[in-house]
Protein backbone atom coordinates (compact mmCIF):
# COMPACT_ATOMS: atom_id res chain seq x y z
CA MET A 1 62.29 -84.47 7.09
CA LYS A 2 63.04 -80.87 8.10
CA GLN A 3 65.96 -78.69 7.23
CA ILE A 4 66.81 -75.43 8.97
CA ILE A 5 68.23 -72.69 6.75
CA THR A 6 68.82 -68.96 7.12
CA ILE A 7 67.82 -66.29 4.57
CA ASN A 8 68.64 -62.65 5.28
CA GLY A 9 69.22 -63.50 8.95
CA LYS A 10 65.86 -65.27 9.35
CA ARG A 11 65.73 -68.97 10.34
CA ILE A 12 63.37 -71.01 8.13
CA LYS A 13 62.26 -74.63 8.26
CA LEU A 14 62.01 -76.52 4.96
CA THR A 15 59.83 -79.64 4.92
CA GLN A 16 59.41 -82.55 2.56
CA SER A 17 56.03 -81.19 1.44
CA GLN A 18 57.80 -78.13 -0.04
CA LEU A 19 60.18 -80.21 -2.19
CA ILE A 20 59.79 -79.49 -5.90
CA GLN A 21 62.54 -81.67 -7.28
CA ALA A 22 65.80 -83.40 -6.27
CA GLY A 23 68.76 -83.87 -8.56
CA GLY A 24 72.35 -84.92 -8.44
CA GLU A 25 73.55 -81.45 -7.33
CA GLY A 26 70.85 -80.52 -4.83
CA MET A 27 67.23 -80.14 -3.89
CA VAL A 28 64.77 -77.36 -4.86
CA PHE A 29 62.00 -76.31 -2.44
CA ARG A 30 59.04 -74.01 -2.81
CA LEU A 31 59.11 -71.09 -0.33
CA GLY A 32 56.22 -68.69 -0.86
CA ASN A 33 56.52 -67.30 -4.37
CA THR A 34 60.22 -68.19 -4.56
CA ALA A 35 62.34 -71.33 -5.01
CA VAL A 36 65.19 -72.35 -2.73
CA LYS A 37 67.98 -74.61 -3.95
CA ILE A 38 70.07 -76.44 -1.33
CA TYR A 39 73.26 -78.17 -2.50
CA HIS A 40 73.87 -81.73 -1.33
CA HIS A 41 77.57 -80.99 -0.84
CA PRO A 42 78.25 -77.24 -0.93
CA THR A 43 81.84 -76.47 -1.79
CA PRO A 44 83.98 -73.29 -1.63
CA GLN A 45 83.54 -73.14 -5.43
CA HIS A 46 79.73 -73.06 -4.99
CA GLN A 47 80.01 -70.31 -2.42
CA ALA A 48 82.38 -68.13 -4.46
CA LYS A 49 80.28 -68.51 -7.60
CA ILE A 50 77.03 -67.60 -5.79
CA GLN A 51 78.58 -64.47 -4.33
CA HIS A 52 79.82 -63.47 -7.79
CA LEU A 53 76.49 -64.25 -9.42
CA LEU A 54 74.53 -62.16 -6.90
CA LYS A 55 76.41 -59.08 -8.07
CA LEU A 56 75.17 -59.65 -11.65
CA THR A 57 71.53 -60.53 -10.98
CA SER A 58 70.09 -57.05 -11.45
CA HIS A 59 71.72 -56.77 -14.89
CA LEU A 60 70.40 -60.04 -16.31
CA PRO A 61 67.38 -60.23 -18.66
CA ASP A 62 64.01 -60.30 -16.89
CA LYS A 63 63.11 -63.87 -17.85
CA VAL A 64 66.39 -65.32 -16.55
CA LEU A 65 65.33 -66.55 -13.11
CA ALA A 66 68.64 -65.82 -11.44
CA PRO A 67 69.44 -66.22 -7.76
CA HIS A 68 68.85 -63.05 -5.74
CA THR A 69 69.69 -64.14 -2.14
CA ALA A 70 72.22 -66.50 -0.59
CA VAL A 71 71.02 -69.32 1.70
CA THR A 72 73.23 -70.09 4.70
CA ASN A 73 73.38 -72.67 7.50
CA ALA A 74 73.74 -72.17 11.23
CA ASN A 75 77.47 -71.51 10.77
CA ASN A 76 76.75 -68.74 8.22
CA GLN A 77 78.17 -70.81 5.38
CA ILE A 78 76.51 -70.52 2.00
CA ILE A 79 74.71 -73.78 1.24
CA GLY A 80 72.33 -72.70 -1.51
CA LEU A 81 70.42 -69.86 -3.08
CA GLN A 82 66.95 -68.29 -3.37
CA MET A 83 65.46 -67.40 -6.76
CA PRO A 84 62.14 -66.56 -8.41
CA LEU A 85 59.64 -69.38 -8.83
CA LEU A 86 58.50 -70.36 -12.27
CA PRO A 87 55.08 -68.90 -13.17
CA LEU A 88 52.13 -71.20 -12.68
CA GLY A 89 51.48 -73.46 -15.68
CA SER A 90 55.02 -73.20 -17.08
CA GLN A 91 56.17 -76.18 -19.17
CA PRO A 92 59.66 -77.28 -20.15
CA MET A 93 60.53 -76.81 -23.78
CA LYS A 94 61.05 -80.56 -24.16
CA ARG A 95 57.22 -80.79 -24.35
CA LEU A 96 57.48 -79.29 -27.84
CA ALA A 97 59.34 -82.37 -29.08
CA ASN A 98 56.09 -84.35 -28.59
CA PRO A 99 53.81 -83.71 -31.60
CA ALA A 100 50.83 -85.21 -29.77
CA TRP A 101 51.27 -82.73 -26.88
CA ARG A 102 51.58 -79.84 -29.31
CA GLN A 103 48.40 -80.86 -31.09
CA LYS A 104 46.49 -81.29 -27.86
CA ASN A 105 47.54 -77.81 -26.73
CA THR A 106 47.01 -76.18 -30.19
CA ILE A 107 50.58 -75.03 -30.48
CA ARG A 108 51.48 -74.20 -34.06
CA ALA A 109 54.81 -73.86 -35.86
CA SER A 110 54.50 -70.05 -35.76
CA ASP A 111 54.01 -70.20 -31.96
CA VAL A 112 57.17 -72.33 -31.62
CA ALA A 113 59.07 -69.93 -33.88
CA ALA A 114 57.97 -66.98 -31.75
CA LEU A 115 59.18 -68.79 -28.61
CA LEU A 116 62.52 -69.68 -30.26
CA THR A 117 62.94 -66.03 -31.33
CA ARG A 118 62.64 -64.92 -27.69
CA VAL A 119 65.03 -67.64 -26.58
CA HIS A 120 67.50 -66.47 -29.23
CA GLN A 121 67.20 -62.87 -28.01
CA THR A 122 67.89 -63.86 -24.41
CA ILE A 123 70.93 -65.93 -25.37
CA ALA A 124 72.31 -63.03 -27.38
CA ARG A 125 71.82 -60.65 -24.43
CA LEU A 126 73.63 -63.05 -22.07
CA HIS A 127 76.53 -63.40 -24.53
CA GLN A 128 76.72 -59.60 -24.71
CA GLN A 129 77.31 -59.65 -20.96
CA GLN A 130 80.04 -62.31 -21.36
CA ILE A 131 77.85 -65.03 -19.87
CA ILE A 132 77.75 -68.52 -21.43
CA ILE A 133 74.88 -70.87 -20.61
CA GLY A 134 76.91 -74.04 -21.23
CA ASP A 135 74.27 -76.58 -20.27
CA LEU A 136 71.66 -75.19 -22.65
CA ASN A 137 68.90 -77.76 -23.17
CA ASP A 138 65.13 -78.12 -23.38
CA ALA A 139 64.79 -79.04 -19.69
CA ASN A 140 66.19 -75.80 -18.29
CA ILE A 141 64.13 -73.42 -20.44
CA PHE A 142 60.40 -73.25 -19.61
CA PHE A 143 57.56 -71.39 -21.29
CA GLN A 144 53.92 -70.49 -20.73
CA PRO A 145 51.76 -71.98 -23.53
CA SER A 146 49.37 -69.00 -23.30
CA SER A 147 52.03 -66.41 -24.10
CA MET A 148 55.01 -68.42 -25.46
CA ILE A 149 57.37 -66.44 -23.21
CA PRO A 150 60.50 -68.39 -22.12
CA PHE A 151 61.96 -68.56 -18.61
CA PHE A 152 65.56 -69.64 -18.05
CA ILE A 153 66.38 -71.64 -14.91
CA ASP A 154 69.56 -73.32 -13.43
CA VAL A 155 71.36 -70.03 -13.77
CA ASP A 156 73.85 -71.01 -11.06
CA SER A 157 75.33 -73.55 -13.53
CA TYR A 158 76.11 -70.91 -16.16
CA GLN A 159 79.71 -70.30 -17.15
CA ILE A 160 80.43 -66.85 -15.76
CA ASP A 161 83.86 -65.20 -15.65
CA ARG A 162 86.33 -67.75 -14.19
CA PHE A 163 83.57 -70.03 -12.92
CA PRO A 164 82.90 -73.02 -15.22
CA CYS A 165 79.64 -74.66 -16.11
CA PRO A 166 80.08 -78.01 -14.32
CA VAL A 167 77.41 -80.04 -16.16
CA ALA A 168 76.29 -80.82 -19.70
CA LEU A 169 73.41 -82.81 -21.19
CA PRO A 170 74.96 -85.14 -23.81
CA THR A 171 72.12 -84.72 -26.30
CA PHE A 172 72.79 -80.96 -26.51
CA LEU A 173 76.58 -81.10 -26.21
CA ASP A 174 78.64 -79.86 -29.11
CA PRO A 175 80.61 -82.88 -30.43
CA THR A 176 83.78 -80.77 -30.26
CA LEU A 177 83.48 -81.14 -26.44
CA TYR A 178 82.99 -84.93 -26.36
CA ARG A 179 86.59 -85.41 -25.25
CA ILE A 180 86.10 -83.56 -21.92
CA GLN A 181 85.47 -85.82 -18.95
CA ASP A 182 84.96 -83.26 -16.16
CA PHE A 183 83.40 -79.90 -17.05
CA SER A 184 83.92 -78.49 -13.57
CA GLN A 185 87.69 -78.27 -13.98
CA ALA A 186 87.90 -75.39 -16.48
CA THR A 187 85.82 -73.00 -18.57
CA CYS A 188 85.39 -74.89 -21.86
CA PHE A 189 82.06 -73.63 -23.25
CA THR A 190 81.89 -70.77 -25.78
CA PRO A 191 79.14 -68.76 -27.48
CA LEU A 192 79.43 -71.16 -30.42
CA THR A 193 78.71 -74.19 -28.22
CA ASP A 194 75.62 -72.36 -26.99
CA TRP A 195 74.51 -71.71 -30.56
CA TYR A 196 75.03 -75.38 -31.39
CA ALA A 197 72.76 -76.30 -28.45
CA PHE A 198 70.23 -73.69 -29.59
CA THR A 199 70.19 -75.31 -33.08
CA VAL A 200 69.49 -78.67 -31.46
CA LEU A 201 66.70 -77.03 -29.45
CA LEU A 202 65.24 -75.50 -32.61
CA THR A 203 65.29 -78.80 -34.47
CA LYS A 204 63.62 -80.73 -31.62
CA SER A 205 61.01 -78.00 -31.07
CA LEU A 206 59.99 -77.59 -34.73
CA LEU A 207 60.38 -81.13 -36.07
CA GLY A 208 59.65 -83.16 -32.90
CA THR A 209 62.86 -85.17 -33.21
CA HIS A 210 66.53 -84.77 -32.29
CA PRO A 211 68.75 -83.79 -35.24
CA TYR A 212 70.43 -87.21 -34.80
CA GLY A 213 67.18 -89.06 -34.17
CA GLY A 214 65.87 -91.91 -36.22
CA VAL A 215 67.67 -95.22 -36.87
CA HIS A 216 70.85 -95.93 -38.86
CA SER A 217 71.90 -99.49 -39.62
CA ARG A 218 75.58 -98.94 -38.79
CA TYR A 219 75.84 -95.99 -36.36
CA LYS A 220 73.64 -96.95 -33.41
CA THR A 221 74.29 -94.16 -30.89
CA LEU A 222 73.61 -90.47 -31.06
CA ALA A 223 77.32 -89.64 -30.44
CA ALA A 224 78.39 -91.94 -33.27
CA ARG A 225 75.89 -90.34 -35.63
CA ALA A 226 77.00 -86.83 -34.62
CA GLN A 227 80.67 -87.66 -35.26
CA ALA A 228 79.78 -89.24 -38.60
CA GLY A 229 77.61 -86.25 -39.63
CA LEU A 230 74.45 -88.28 -40.32
CA PRO A 231 71.38 -86.17 -39.31
CA VAL A 232 67.86 -87.50 -39.13
CA TRP A 233 67.02 -86.37 -42.69
CA HIS A 234 69.96 -88.27 -44.27
CA PRO A 235 68.69 -90.80 -46.83
CA ALA A 236 70.37 -93.67 -44.94
CA VAL A 237 68.43 -92.84 -41.73
CA ILE A 238 64.94 -94.19 -41.00
CA TYR A 239 62.98 -91.04 -40.18
CA PRO A 240 60.74 -91.22 -37.04
CA GLN A 241 57.08 -91.71 -38.00
CA ARG A 242 55.71 -89.41 -35.31
CA ALA A 243 57.99 -86.47 -36.17
CA TYR A 244 57.05 -83.61 -38.50
CA PRO A 245 58.55 -83.89 -41.99
CA PRO A 246 61.63 -81.66 -42.55
CA GLU A 247 59.77 -80.06 -45.45
CA ILE A 248 57.77 -77.95 -42.94
CA LEU A 249 61.03 -75.94 -42.65
CA SER A 250 61.99 -73.29 -45.20
CA ASP A 251 64.82 -74.15 -47.61
CA ASP A 252 67.18 -71.61 -45.98
CA LEU A 253 66.49 -72.86 -42.48
CA HIS A 254 66.88 -76.49 -43.49
CA HIS A 255 70.11 -75.66 -45.26
CA TRP A 256 71.52 -74.05 -42.10
CA LEU A 257 70.59 -77.11 -40.07
CA ASP A 258 72.22 -79.41 -42.58
CA GLU A 259 75.40 -77.35 -42.62
CA THR A 260 75.54 -77.60 -38.81
CA PHE A 261 74.73 -81.30 -38.36
CA SER A 262 76.14 -82.77 -41.57
CA ARG A 263 79.25 -80.62 -42.15
CA GLY A 264 80.13 -79.33 -38.68
CA GLN A 265 79.44 -75.63 -39.34
CA ARG A 266 79.82 -73.52 -36.16
CA ARG A 267 78.55 -69.96 -36.37
CA PRO A 268 76.14 -67.79 -34.36
CA PHE A 269 72.60 -68.65 -35.40
CA PRO A 270 71.21 -65.75 -37.51
CA LEU A 271 67.86 -64.46 -36.24
CA ASP A 272 66.81 -63.57 -39.79
CA LEU A 273 66.40 -67.28 -40.57
CA LEU A 274 63.63 -67.51 -37.97
CA THR A 275 61.95 -64.28 -38.92
CA HIS A 276 61.92 -65.04 -42.64
CA TYR A 277 60.67 -68.57 -41.90
CA THR A 278 57.79 -67.23 -39.86
CA LYS A 279 56.84 -64.82 -42.65
CA GLN A 280 56.61 -67.69 -45.15
CA LEU A 281 54.35 -69.85 -43.04
CA LYS A 282 50.83 -70.59 -44.28
CA THR A 283 48.15 -72.85 -42.87
CA CYS A 284 46.90 -75.91 -44.73
CA PRO A 285 43.07 -75.65 -44.86
CA GLN A 286 42.76 -79.45 -44.78
CA CYS A 287 45.07 -80.63 -41.92
CA GLY A 288 45.90 -77.32 -40.25
CA GLN A 289 49.69 -77.78 -40.55
CA GLU A 290 51.72 -74.57 -40.92
CA HIS A 291 54.52 -74.71 -43.51
CA PRO A 292 56.15 -72.49 -46.20
CA ARG A 293 55.37 -74.67 -49.23
CA THR A 294 52.80 -74.48 -52.01
CA ARG A 295 51.91 -78.12 -51.28
CA CYS A 296 51.36 -79.30 -47.71
CA PRO A 297 54.16 -81.72 -46.72
CA VAL A 298 51.79 -83.54 -44.30
CA CYS A 299 48.60 -84.15 -46.34
CA GLN A 300 49.91 -83.14 -49.82
CA ARG A 301 47.11 -80.67 -50.41
CA THR A 302 47.98 -77.68 -52.71
CA ILE A 303 47.48 -74.35 -50.94
CA PRO A 304 45.59 -71.79 -53.10
CA ALA A 305 47.02 -68.30 -53.31
CA ALA A 306 45.51 -65.97 -50.73
CA PRO A 307 43.05 -63.43 -52.21
CA VAL A 308 44.11 -59.81 -52.14
CA PRO A 309 41.87 -57.94 -49.68
CA PRO A 310 40.00 -54.95 -51.10
CA GLN A 311 41.41 -51.57 -50.25
CA THR A 312 39.13 -49.10 -48.47
CA ALA A 313 39.49 -45.38 -47.98
CA VAL A 314 37.47 -42.56 -46.38
CA LEU A 315 37.10 -39.38 -48.48
CA TYR A 316 36.21 -36.07 -46.87
CA THR A 317 34.82 -33.58 -49.33
CA ALA A 318 36.29 -30.53 -47.62
CA SER A 319 39.44 -30.05 -45.55
CA PRO A 320 39.69 -27.68 -42.60
CA GLN A 321 41.51 -24.39 -42.87
CA GLY A 322 44.59 -24.11 -40.69
CA SER A 323 47.21 -26.46 -39.26
CA ILE A 324 45.91 -29.80 -37.86
CA GLU A 325 47.38 -30.35 -34.39
CA ALA A 326 45.54 -33.55 -33.33
CA VAL A 327 42.93 -35.87 -34.84
CA SER A 328 40.78 -38.78 -33.68
CA VAL A 329 38.36 -41.02 -35.56
CA LEU A 330 35.12 -41.40 -33.58
CA PRO A 331 33.13 -44.67 -33.35
CA ASN A 332 30.46 -43.26 -35.72
CA GLY A 333 33.10 -42.67 -38.40
CA ARG A 334 33.25 -38.91 -37.93
CA ILE A 335 36.43 -37.09 -37.00
CA ALA A 336 37.31 -34.85 -34.07
CA ALA A 337 40.33 -32.60 -34.46
CA VAL A 338 42.23 -29.64 -33.08
CA ILE A 339 43.46 -27.09 -35.57
CA ARG A 340 45.44 -23.86 -35.28
CA LYS A 341 44.72 -20.75 -37.33
CA GLU A 342 47.50 -18.26 -36.67
CA ASN A 343 47.54 -18.03 -32.84
CA THR A 344 44.05 -19.44 -32.15
CA PHE A 345 43.27 -23.12 -31.55
CA TYR A 346 39.85 -24.58 -32.54
CA TRP A 347 37.96 -27.78 -31.80
CA LEU A 348 36.48 -29.28 -34.98
CA ARG A 349 33.95 -31.98 -35.83
CA MET A 350 34.20 -33.30 -39.39
CA GLY A 351 32.21 -35.71 -41.55
CA LEU A 352 31.58 -36.54 -45.18
CA GLY A 353 30.23 -33.03 -45.72
CA GLY A 354 33.37 -31.40 -44.31
CA VAL A 355 33.48 -29.42 -41.09
CA THR A 356 30.19 -29.78 -39.15
CA ALA A 357 31.18 -27.80 -35.99
CA GLU A 358 33.98 -25.42 -35.05
CA THR A 359 34.53 -24.14 -31.50
CA PRO A 360 37.30 -21.75 -30.43
CA LEU A 361 39.51 -23.17 -27.66
CA PHE A 362 42.17 -20.62 -26.68
CA ASN A 363 44.80 -18.28 -27.99
CA GLY A 364 48.42 -19.49 -27.89
CA SER A 365 51.62 -19.82 -29.83
CA PRO A 366 52.64 -22.99 -31.66
CA GLY A 367 54.06 -25.92 -29.70
CA TYR A 368 51.05 -27.27 -27.77
CA SER A 369 50.43 -31.00 -27.60
CA PHE A 370 46.96 -32.56 -27.48
CA ALA A 371 45.21 -35.86 -26.94
CA ILE A 372 41.54 -36.61 -27.69
CA PHE A 373 39.57 -39.30 -25.86
CA ASN A 374 35.92 -40.34 -25.57
CA GLY A 375 35.21 -38.21 -28.66
CA ARG A 376 34.68 -35.00 -26.65
CA TYR A 377 37.44 -34.65 -24.04
CA LEU A 378 40.73 -32.98 -24.75
CA ALA A 379 44.07 -33.06 -22.89
CA VAL A 380 46.07 -29.89 -23.50
CA ASN A 381 49.82 -29.73 -22.78
CA PRO A 382 51.55 -26.33 -23.13
CA PRO A 383 55.02 -26.16 -24.69
CA GLY A 384 57.77 -27.32 -22.36
CA GLN A 385 55.39 -28.01 -19.46
CA ARG A 386 54.24 -31.15 -17.66
CA GLN A 387 50.70 -29.90 -16.93
CA LEU A 388 47.66 -31.50 -18.61
CA LEU A 389 44.52 -29.45 -18.80
CA ILE A 390 41.46 -31.68 -19.34
CA LEU A 391 38.62 -29.99 -21.22
CA ASP A 392 35.11 -30.94 -22.22
CA ALA A 393 35.43 -29.62 -25.78
CA GLN A 394 31.81 -30.37 -26.63
CA GLN A 395 30.71 -27.45 -24.43
CA ASN A 396 30.69 -23.96 -25.94
CA PRO A 397 32.83 -22.46 -24.55
CA PRO A 398 34.85 -25.57 -23.57
CA GLN A 399 34.72 -26.37 -19.84
CA GLN A 400 37.64 -27.36 -17.62
CA ILE A 401 37.28 -30.81 -16.02
CA THR A 402 40.54 -30.96 -14.09
CA LEU A 403 44.24 -30.01 -14.13
CA LEU A 404 46.82 -32.81 -13.88
CA GLU A 405 50.55 -33.22 -14.16
CA THR A 406 52.54 -35.97 -15.82
CA ALA A 407 56.20 -36.99 -15.97
CA ALA A 408 58.63 -35.88 -18.61
CA PHE A 409 60.97 -37.94 -20.80
CA ARG A 410 63.73 -36.10 -22.61
CA GLU A 411 62.07 -32.83 -21.58
CA SER A 412 58.68 -33.70 -23.17
CA ALA A 413 55.51 -34.50 -21.23
CA VAL A 414 54.52 -38.18 -21.44
CA PHE A 415 50.81 -38.70 -22.11
CA ALA A 416 48.67 -40.34 -24.78
CA ALA A 417 45.03 -41.21 -25.45
CA THR A 418 43.19 -44.12 -26.98
CA SER A 419 39.61 -43.70 -28.16
CA ARG A 420 38.37 -44.27 -24.56
CA HIS A 421 41.09 -43.36 -22.07
CA LEU A 422 43.84 -40.90 -21.27
CA TYR A 423 47.17 -42.28 -20.06
CA ARG A 424 49.76 -40.34 -18.06
CA ILE A 425 52.49 -40.92 -15.44
CA ALA A 426 51.97 -40.09 -11.77
CA GLY A 427 55.01 -40.81 -9.57
CA ASP A 428 56.02 -44.44 -10.20
CA TRP A 429 52.77 -45.41 -11.98
CA ILE A 430 51.25 -45.30 -15.43
CA MET A 431 47.69 -44.08 -14.93
CA ARG A 432 44.59 -44.75 -17.08
CA GLY A 433 41.75 -42.23 -16.76
CA ALA A 434 38.38 -41.29 -18.17
CA VAL A 435 35.59 -38.82 -17.41
CA GLN A 436 32.55 -40.32 -15.67
CA HIS A 437 29.51 -38.22 -14.73
CA GLY A 438 31.51 -35.03 -15.12
CA ARG A 439 34.45 -36.20 -12.97
CA TYR A 440 37.85 -37.38 -14.11
CA LEU A 441 38.67 -40.75 -12.54
CA GLU A 442 41.78 -42.88 -13.05
CA GLU A 443 43.62 -45.99 -11.88
CA ALA A 444 47.20 -47.20 -11.75
CA ILE A 445 47.85 -49.91 -14.33
CA ALA A 446 51.63 -50.39 -14.56
CA THR A 447 54.90 -49.21 -13.06
CA ALA A 448 56.96 -46.37 -14.50
CA HIS A 449 60.58 -45.33 -13.99
CA HIS A 450 61.29 -41.79 -12.94
CA ALA A 451 62.04 -39.70 -16.02
CA GLN A 452 62.86 -42.92 -17.92
CA THR A 453 59.47 -44.11 -19.25
CA TRP A 454 57.84 -43.10 -22.52
CA PHE A 455 54.74 -44.47 -24.32
CA ALA A 456 52.29 -43.82 -27.16
CA ALA A 457 48.69 -44.96 -27.71
CA SER A 458 47.18 -47.06 -30.46
CA PRO A 459 44.58 -45.31 -32.63
CA TYR A 460 43.01 -48.69 -33.32
CA ASP A 461 42.87 -50.56 -30.01
CA GLU A 462 42.68 -49.93 -26.30
CA ALA A 463 46.44 -50.26 -25.91
CA ILE A 464 49.58 -48.27 -25.26
CA ALA A 465 53.14 -49.29 -26.02
CA GLY A 466 56.43 -47.76 -25.00
CA TYR A 467 59.70 -48.38 -23.31
CA HIS A 468 61.66 -47.93 -20.09
CA ARG A 469 65.18 -46.61 -20.51
CA ILE A 470 67.49 -48.31 -17.99
CA PHE A 471 70.95 -46.85 -18.48
CA ALA A 472 71.79 -47.66 -22.15
CA GLU A 473 69.16 -50.43 -22.37
CA TYR A 474 65.61 -49.98 -23.64
CA ARG A 475 62.92 -52.40 -22.48
CA CYS A 476 59.78 -52.20 -24.61
CA PHE A 477 56.30 -53.07 -23.41
CA VAL A 478 52.67 -53.05 -24.48
CA GLN A 479 49.80 -52.48 -22.02
CA THR A 480 46.18 -53.53 -22.69
CA PRO A 481 43.17 -54.13 -20.39
CA GLN A 482 44.30 -57.79 -20.39
CA GLY A 483 47.73 -57.04 -18.90
CA ASN A 484 51.26 -55.76 -19.42
CA TYR A 485 53.52 -57.66 -21.85
CA ASP A 486 57.24 -57.33 -22.64
CA LEU A 487 58.33 -56.84 -26.27
CA PRO A 488 61.73 -58.56 -26.33
CA LEU A 489 64.19 -57.06 -28.80
CA PRO A 490 67.52 -58.56 -29.73
CA PRO A 491 70.40 -56.48 -28.32
CA PRO A 492 72.84 -54.73 -30.67
CA SER A 493 75.90 -56.75 -31.56
CA PRO A 494 79.27 -55.85 -30.01
CA GLY A 495 80.44 -52.55 -31.46
CA GLU A 496 76.92 -51.42 -32.29
CA HIS A 497 74.65 -49.00 -30.40
CA LEU A 498 70.99 -48.14 -30.38
CA ALA A 499 70.61 -44.75 -32.02
CA ALA A 500 66.81 -44.35 -32.12
CA LEU A 501 63.65 -46.26 -31.36
CA ARG A 502 60.15 -45.68 -32.70
CA LEU A 503 56.79 -47.41 -32.33
CA ARG A 504 54.10 -47.74 -35.00
CA PHE A 505 50.64 -49.24 -34.54
CA ALA A 506 48.38 -51.32 -36.76
CA PRO A 507 45.10 -53.00 -35.86
CA GLY A 508 45.93 -55.69 -33.28
CA GLN A 509 49.67 -55.12 -33.35
CA VAL A 510 52.58 -52.78 -32.71
CA THR A 511 55.87 -52.48 -34.64
CA VAL A 512 59.10 -51.43 -32.91
CA ASN A 513 61.52 -49.73 -35.29
CA VAL A 514 65.09 -49.77 -34.00
CA LYS A 515 67.85 -47.70 -35.52
CA ILE A 516 71.24 -49.35 -34.89
CA GLY A 517 74.54 -47.63 -35.49
CA ARG A 518 78.07 -48.85 -36.04
CA GLN A 519 80.49 -45.96 -36.35
CA LYS A 520 78.85 -43.74 -39.01
CA HIS A 521 76.72 -46.45 -40.60
CA TYR A 522 73.11 -47.12 -39.59
CA ARG A 523 70.52 -49.72 -40.26
CA TRP A 524 66.91 -50.23 -39.18
CA GLU A 525 65.29 -53.32 -37.71
CA ARG A 526 61.53 -53.61 -37.52
CA HIS A 527 59.95 -56.10 -35.13
CA ALA A 528 56.20 -56.63 -35.18
CA PHE A 529 54.33 -57.94 -32.13
CA SER A 530 50.75 -58.76 -31.31
CA LEU A 531 49.15 -56.81 -28.45
CA ASP A 532 49.73 -59.73 -26.11
CA GLY A 533 53.50 -59.56 -26.71
CA ARG A 534 53.80 -62.40 -29.23
CA TRP A 535 56.52 -61.84 -31.81
CA LEU A 536 55.06 -61.79 -35.37
CA ASP A 537 57.59 -60.60 -37.94
CA ALA A 538 60.86 -58.80 -38.47
CA GLN A 539 62.56 -56.91 -41.27
CA SER A 540 65.89 -55.13 -41.57
CA GLY A 541 67.57 -52.73 -43.96
CA GLU A 542 68.96 -49.28 -44.42
CA ASN A 543 66.74 -46.29 -43.66
CA ASN A 544 67.50 -42.61 -43.40
CA GLU A 545 64.47 -41.75 -41.28
CA ASP A 546 65.12 -38.81 -38.96
CA THR A 547 65.05 -39.20 -35.22
CA ALA A 548 62.32 -37.54 -33.16
CA VAL A 549 62.63 -33.88 -32.21
CA HIS A 550 62.08 -33.06 -28.57
CA LEU A 551 60.80 -29.74 -27.29
CA PRO A 552 62.57 -27.61 -24.67
CA HIS A 553 61.22 -27.75 -21.11
CA PRO A 554 60.95 -24.35 -19.38
CA ARG A 555 59.49 -24.26 -15.88
CA GLY A 556 56.08 -22.65 -15.18
CA ARG A 557 52.50 -23.05 -14.02
CA ILE A 558 49.43 -23.18 -16.26
CA VAL A 559 46.34 -21.04 -15.70
CA TRP A 560 43.18 -21.64 -17.71
CA THR A 561 40.52 -19.26 -18.99
CA PRO A 562 38.04 -20.27 -21.74
CA ARG A 563 39.83 -18.19 -24.38
CA GLU A 564 43.40 -18.04 -23.22
CA ILE A 565 46.16 -19.99 -21.51
CA ALA A 566 48.75 -17.93 -19.63
CA PHE A 567 51.95 -18.97 -17.89
CA ASN A 568 53.19 -17.93 -14.48
CA ALA A 569 56.88 -18.56 -13.91
CA GLY A 570 57.84 -20.57 -10.81
């Protein structure tokens, strides 16, 4: 079988060997690193919805694999769409409902909670853009087991504007919609029906059973059980043997599920329930099950209290004189620093005996920024400039290695250093560099947005984290030698705005602090992530932390001499 289609004016043959799947609405083919969906019976409604959807694609969350190009036939009629292909190794979320598969793939409750958190964040962002998923289920959300990052497919079925979601999976359908026979006739889904489906998804993913699973002697079907309000944990229901016991959930989370499935509660699912649940999880040393209890609900073993780790501190017997401008802990435990005494900057080496070496750098007024890498190299950025002067500070006097330039964000130069590398922006790239055999060498490691990218470096690991500002949206990321990872944050609720954003590092993780405002009231949310982008924890509360102060940005050119830095206008 061959089918001729046209994409961007180019005729393409699709063959049976490219077919990925066929369903009631159409067929999906693999075409390079994209997927092509061809409708069995394309209608004017299909065509109008695709044209409308293509206008929104660039504004949708990254992991929503939305159509980006229309597919036409020989008569230039739209018969389908082209969209991104799922990453290799992606699995549907319905896999998580199989405890044996989870055990085989070493997927823990905390991993599932991290995935559900990201799913929640994507749903909230779609709702903020007035988009309803409608047919939300565990077969149209995929994930990569290695990263627990979700990918949303079947976007063309979403309820958008006047275009309805024409399909629904009965097992995820809100019982309030059971009366509807044909979903293609009108827009009938709401954010609350999406949150009901998400709560079903959460139950299946964490417990390995549908909320109306199990067996009841009187109510035999899932729909009958849903309408009677008899969830799987009801005493009159025979609980599935292969499922995880409901006691692996926290009391608050279980209470929310019971309110939803027993009493018909319909409210947006609060993200705090997931974050607090994840914080409470502990691992049973006998069976390996994660749960929030003092006694394991699987093997009944009592979990001993975790020992408090000893606190350590480093004491330096003498402090340097002057203002500390930059500091770095070296692999041998000593400290390298830049200090300023009046209008002179110095390079210091410090140890347990205090200052072991002090070398003058240059004369200059306050306002310089510095970054130390490889224990001996120093990046110097003058006030309001984008130039980076790279010095070998171990030489006396310090020797210039090279002169670079980086991008600015909010009128401040963007650069940072880990213990081994210096990071800057060159054009559309984040660059990673180091000095080798007296020469500064660097490589491009990630994309940057012109005047819209900012990052900082971890003092503990070889990692940077930052964000891209895209209009009013901030997309956070972390970059390590293993790759670049998104740090998904929930969007502000309607009527709220993002007032400030800060990053803090700890060994093996980064915390994103978000200041959210509503009129004159502010609150902080803190989201902790591992360095491979996995969500770890969240907290919220009031905080009166000040926002960052940014320096002015005059124009000029830097000229270096061993004792002085001068500026030439131009």
